[in-house]
Amino acid sequence: MQYRWEEIDQLAAILEAEAAGHPVDTDRARDLAERLVRLCPDIAKTMNRVVERFAPEAATAAA
């Protein structure tokens, strides 16, 4: 399986920024995770959790 490191690196940076308490582009995080679901089926389960985490409904519930 060939990974898309550019997308993985971008998503990792977003997740690290969020963990550090910085504001993040949730739409971009969700888009990257959705793309990785298709490109990397072996990590799809984890990426689906990221998609759920950054869904608009999740942001409303967290507020």
Protein backbone atom coordinates (compact mmCIF):
# COMPACT_ATOMS: atom_id res chain seq x y z
CA MET A 1 0.00 0.00 0.00
CA GLN A 2 1.34 3.39 -0.97
CA TYR A 3 0.52 6.14 1.47
CA ARG A 4 -0.11 9.75 0.60
CA TRP A 5 2.41 11.30 2.96
CA GLU A 6 1.54 14.87 2.01
CA GLU A 7 -2.07 14.45 3.16
CA ILE A 8 -1.01 12.50 6.26
CA ASP A 9 1.54 15.17 7.21
CA GLN A 10 -1.01 17.96 6.73
CA LEU A 11 -3.59 16.16 8.85
CA ALA A 12 -1.00 15.39 11.53
CA ALA A 13 -0.10 19.09 11.73
CA ILE A 14 -3.76 20.02 12.16
CA LEU A 15 -4.28 17.41 14.88
CA GLU A 16 -1.13 18.50 16.71
CA ALA A 17 -2.23 22.14 16.58
CA GLU A 18 -5.66 21.23 17.94
CA ALA A 19 -4.10 19.18 20.75
CA ALA A 20 -1.96 22.21 21.65
CA GLY A 21 -5.11 24.32 21.93
CA HIS A 22 -4.70 26.29 18.72
CA PRO A 23 -7.60 27.03 16.38
CA VAL A 24 -7.66 24.74 13.35
CA ASP A 25 -9.39 24.53 9.99
CA THR A 26 -11.87 21.76 10.77
CA ASP A 27 -13.16 21.65 7.19
CA ARG A 28 -9.63 21.02 5.92
CA ALA A 29 -9.06 18.31 8.53
CA ARG A 30 -12.28 16.56 7.56
CA ASP A 31 -11.51 16.85 3.83
CA LEU A 32 -8.04 15.37 4.32
CA ALA A 33 -9.38 12.50 6.41
CA GLU A 34 -12.12 11.77 3.84
CA ARG A 35 -9.51 11.70 1.08
CA LEU A 36 -7.30 9.36 3.10
CA VAL A 37 -10.24 6.98 3.64
CA ARG A 38 -10.31 6.46 -0.12
CA LEU A 39 -6.56 6.49 -0.73
CA CYS A 40 -5.45 4.31 2.20
CA PRO A 41 -8.07 1.65 2.98
CA ASP A 42 -5.95 0.09 5.71
CA ILE A 43 -6.22 3.26 7.83
CA ALA A 44 -9.82 4.02 6.83
CA LYS A 45 -11.24 3.12 10.24
CA THR A 46 -9.03 5.66 11.99
CA MET A 47 -9.65 8.29 9.32
CA ASN A 48 -13.41 7.78 9.66
CA ARG A 49 -13.05 8.60 13.35
CA VAL A 50 -11.26 11.83 12.38
CA VAL A 51 -14.07 12.63 9.93
CA GLU A 52 -16.59 12.12 12.75
CA ARG A 53 -14.49 14.22 15.13
CA PHE A 54 -14.51 17.18 12.74
CA ALA A 55 -18.09 16.83 11.51
CA PRO A 56 -20.13 20.04 11.82
CA GLU A 57 -22.42 18.31 14.35
CA ALA A 58 -19.41 17.54 16.58
CA ALA A 59 -18.37 21.19 16.62
CA THR A 60 -21.87 22.24 17.67
CA ALA A 61 -21.97 19.63 20.45
CA ALA A 62 -18.57 20.73 21.77
CA ALA A 63 -19.63 24.38 22.02
